[in-house]
Protein backbone atom coordinates (compact mmCIF):
# COMPACT_ATOMS: atom_id res chain seq x y z
CA MET A 1 21.21 -25.83 -1.77
CA ALA A 2 18.29 -25.66 0.62
CA VAL A 3 19.64 -22.89 2.53
CA VAL A 4 20.04 -21.06 -1.25
CA MET A 5 16.34 -21.56 -2.15
CA CYS A 6 15.14 -20.14 1.05
CA LEU A 7 17.36 -17.33 0.81
CA HIS A 8 15.95 -16.77 -2.38
CA GLU A 9 12.53 -17.56 -1.50
CA ARG A 10 13.13 -14.62 1.25
CA ILE A 11 14.33 -12.65 -1.01
CA LEU A 12 11.33 -12.93 -3.78
CA SER A 13 8.41 -12.15 -0.61
CA ALA A 14 11.09 -8.94 0.73
CA VAL A 15 11.10 -7.66 -2.97
CA LYS A 16 6.99 -8.44 -3.16
CA LEU A 17 6.60 -6.19 -0.28
CA GLU A 18 8.86 -3.27 -0.70
CA ARG A 19 6.23 -3.44 -4.54
CA THR A 20 3.60 -3.39 -2.23
CA ALA A 21 4.95 -0.57 0.15
CA THR A 22 6.10 1.58 -2.72
CA VAL A 23 2.66 1.89 -4.30
CA ARG A 24 1.31 2.18 -0.91
CA VAL A 25 3.26 5.26 0.09
CA LEU A 26 2.24 6.55 -3.60
CA GLU A 27 -1.44 6.39 -2.87
CA MET A 28 -0.97 7.93 0.61
CA LEU A 29 0.61 10.69 -0.83
CA ASP A 30 -2.32 11.07 -3.15
CA LEU A 31 -4.60 11.53 -0.36
CA ALA A 32 -2.24 13.40 1.20
CA ARG A 33 -2.49 15.91 -1.64
CA GLN A 34 -6.36 15.62 -1.98
CA GLU A 35 -6.48 16.50 1.39
CA ARG A 36 -3.61 18.85 1.33
CA ILE A 37 -2.49 17.61 5.03
CA PHE A 38 1.35 18.98 4.31
CA LEU A 39 -0.59 22.55 4.94
CA GLU A 40 -1.09 21.13 8.70
CA TYR A 41 2.44 20.55 9.15
CA GLU A 42 3.24 24.50 7.68
CA CYS A 43 4.33 22.93 4.37
CA LYS A 44 3.88 24.40 1.15
CA SER A 45 3.96 21.34 -0.76
CA LEU A 46 3.62 18.15 -1.25
CA GLN A 47 7.05 17.74 -1.78
CA GLN A 48 8.41 20.01 1.15
CA TYR A 49 6.07 17.83 3.43
CA ALA A 50 8.36 14.41 1.72
CA VAL A 51 11.46 15.90 2.04
CA GLU A 52 11.09 17.69 5.65
CA LYS A 53 8.46 15.22 7.45
CA LEU A 54 8.77 12.08 5.55
CA GLY A 55 12.74 12.13 5.54
CA TYR A 56 13.09 11.66 1.76
CA THR A 57 15.70 13.76 -0.32
CA PRO A 58 14.49 16.22 -2.37
CA TRP A 59 14.98 14.30 -5.43
CA GLN A 60 13.41 11.07 -3.73
CA ALA A 61 10.19 13.23 -3.22
CA ARG A 62 10.54 14.40 -6.40
CA GLU A 63 10.34 11.52 -7.80
CA ARG A 64 7.61 10.02 -5.90
CA VAL A 65 5.57 12.76 -6.61
CA ARG A 66 6.16 12.57 -10.04
CA ALA A 67 5.35 8.91 -9.58
CA MET A 68 1.83 9.64 -7.65
CA GLN A 69 0.70 12.35 -9.97
CA LEU A 70 0.63 9.64 -13.02
CA ILE A 71 -0.90 7.07 -10.80
CA SER A 72 -3.14 9.19 -10.09
CA LYS A 73 -4.08 9.16 -14.12
CA SER A 74 -2.99 6.13 -15.06
CA SER A 75 -4.30 2.58 -13.72
CA LYS A 76 -2.07 1.22 -16.42
CA ALA A 77 1.10 3.29 -14.64
CA HIS A 78 -0.19 2.18 -11.20
CA GLU A 79 -0.09 -1.59 -12.34
CA LEU A 80 2.99 -1.39 -13.57
CA ILE A 81 4.66 0.02 -11.05
CA LYS A 82 3.13 -2.33 -8.43
CA ASN A 83 4.31 -5.02 -11.24
CA GLY A 84 7.53 -3.65 -10.61
CA LYS A 85 7.85 -3.31 -14.27
CA LEU A 86 7.97 0.67 -14.10
CA ASN A 87 10.12 2.31 -11.58
CA LEU A 88 9.70 5.59 -9.81
CA SER A 89 12.51 7.71 -12.14
CA ALA A 90 10.81 6.23 -15.46
CA ALA A 91 7.13 6.56 -14.23
CA ALA A 92 8.63 10.57 -13.01
CA LEU A 93 9.54 10.88 -16.56
CA VAL A 94 6.36 9.64 -18.08
CA GLU A 95 4.79 12.61 -15.82
CA ASP A 96 7.38 15.09 -17.19
CA TYR A 97 6.23 14.44 -20.36
CA SER A 98 2.78 13.59 -20.24
CA ASP A 99 1.34 16.74 -21.60
CA GLU A 100 3.31 16.63 -24.45
CA LEU A 101 2.76 12.76 -25.34
CA PRO A 102 0.31 10.02 -25.04
CA ILE A 103 0.57 8.41 -21.89
CA GLU A 104 0.08 5.26 -23.00
CA ASP A 105 3.22 5.00 -25.40
CA LEU A 106 5.44 6.95 -22.69
CA LEU A 107 4.90 3.54 -20.69
CA GLN A 108 5.43 1.51 -23.27
CA ASP A 109 8.66 2.98 -24.14
CA ALA A 110 9.63 3.38 -20.48
CA ILE A 111 9.28 -0.46 -19.55
CA SER A 112 10.91 -1.24 -22.82
CA MET A 113 13.96 0.95 -22.42
CA SER A 114 16.65 1.86 -20.37
CA ILE A 115 16.91 4.91 -18.64
CA ARG A 116 19.11 6.65 -20.60
CA GLU A 117 17.72 5.53 -23.89
CA PHE A 118 13.98 6.78 -23.02
CA GLU A 119 14.95 10.06 -21.29
CA GLU A 120 17.01 10.38 -25.48
CA LYS A 121 14.26 9.28 -27.25
CA LEU A 122 11.99 11.82 -25.35
CA ARG A 123 14.29 14.63 -26.04
CA GLU A 124 14.12 13.45 -29.62
CA LEU A 125 9.89 13.22 -29.61
CA THR A 126 9.71 16.72 -27.81
CA GLY A 127 12.88 18.37 -29.62
CA ARG A 128 14.04 20.11 -25.95
CA PRO A 129 18.06 20.39 -25.39
CA GLN A 130 20.40 17.74 -24.90
CA LYS A 131 20.56 16.90 -20.55
CA GLU A 132 23.80 17.86 -20.52
CA ARG A 133 25.56 21.65 -20.03
CA ARG A 134 28.45 22.31 -17.84
CA ILE A 135 28.90 25.19 -15.91
CA THR A 136 31.15 26.97 -13.72
CA LEU A 137 30.36 28.67 -10.42
CA SER A 138 31.29 31.20 -8.70
CA GLN A 139 32.63 30.49 -4.75
CA ASP A 140 29.96 33.02 -3.83
CA VAL A 141 27.54 31.59 -5.23
CA VAL A 142 28.59 27.68 -4.02
CA GLU A 143 28.63 29.30 -0.59
CA LYS A 144 25.25 30.69 -1.25
CA MET A 145 24.26 26.55 -2.78
CA GLN A 146 25.36 25.51 0.33
CA LYS A 147 23.33 28.10 2.80
CA ILE A 148 20.31 26.45 0.81
CA LYS A 149 21.15 22.79 1.53
CA GLU A 150 21.41 23.62 4.76
CA ARG A 151 18.10 25.45 5.06
CA TYR A 152 17.14 22.11 3.47
CA GLN A 153 18.85 20.53 6.33
CA ASN A 154 20.39 18.57 3.98
CA PRO A 155 24.05 19.99 3.98
CA GLY A 156 24.98 16.65 1.67
CA MET A 157 22.41 17.47 -1.21
CA GLY A 158 24.22 17.25 -4.37
CA ASP A 159 24.68 20.76 -6.51
CA ILE A 160 22.57 19.52 -9.11
CA GLU A 161 19.91 17.68 -7.52
CA LEU A 162 19.77 20.98 -5.41
CA ILE A 163 19.38 23.11 -8.62
CA VAL A 164 16.53 20.70 -10.05
CA VAL A 165 14.75 21.62 -6.58
CA LEU A 166 15.28 25.34 -6.76
CA LEU A 167 14.08 25.09 -10.35
CA ASP A 168 10.73 22.78 -9.74
CA LYS A 169 10.13 24.53 -7.01
CA GLU A 170 10.18 28.10 -9.19
CA LEU A 171 8.36 26.97 -11.82
CA ARG A 172 5.67 25.62 -10.34
CA TYR A 173 5.40 27.90 -7.25
CA GLY A 174 6.99 31.12 -8.89
CA GLY A 175 6.62 34.27 -7.10
CA ASN A 176 7.75 38.01 -8.40
CA ASN A 177 9.53 38.47 -11.06
CA VAL A 178 12.63 39.63 -9.94
CA PHE A 179 14.14 40.71 -13.75
CA ALA A 180 10.63 42.95 -13.93
């Protein structure tokens, strides 16, 4: 029993360190954003910097950047992440909807529901369409997607993950309208 209790205490200590490190990463990303250091590393965005220079997958980078944006606006979100009550996925969702709904209400729902329940409630509240949509991709589109994954130096990236990254990039930094 003593070995089990010792292991349990070590796990609790590691969990505390993990939470502290997560919050510290978010705080450092906010400093990087403020100082725009990603430009010094030839990255056009903080998310690109997090992927290319910090080694996160595009999805992990997106979650951290969105969570960082949230804690820069909400000390309550900062505390909830620090205490382990709000995970990065939920924090990113809160940030995604923070322009449409009050952050305090979103945080309360985020900590009291599963991610799936939270996403569903957010869609209902905002009138956004259902998340799932099925599409069939032609082989040439699949090949182009693979080339982009290789360009991101992440050939194992999932197709949906790539689509989300490209959509986020276009929405935030959209260039010329190719349809005009």
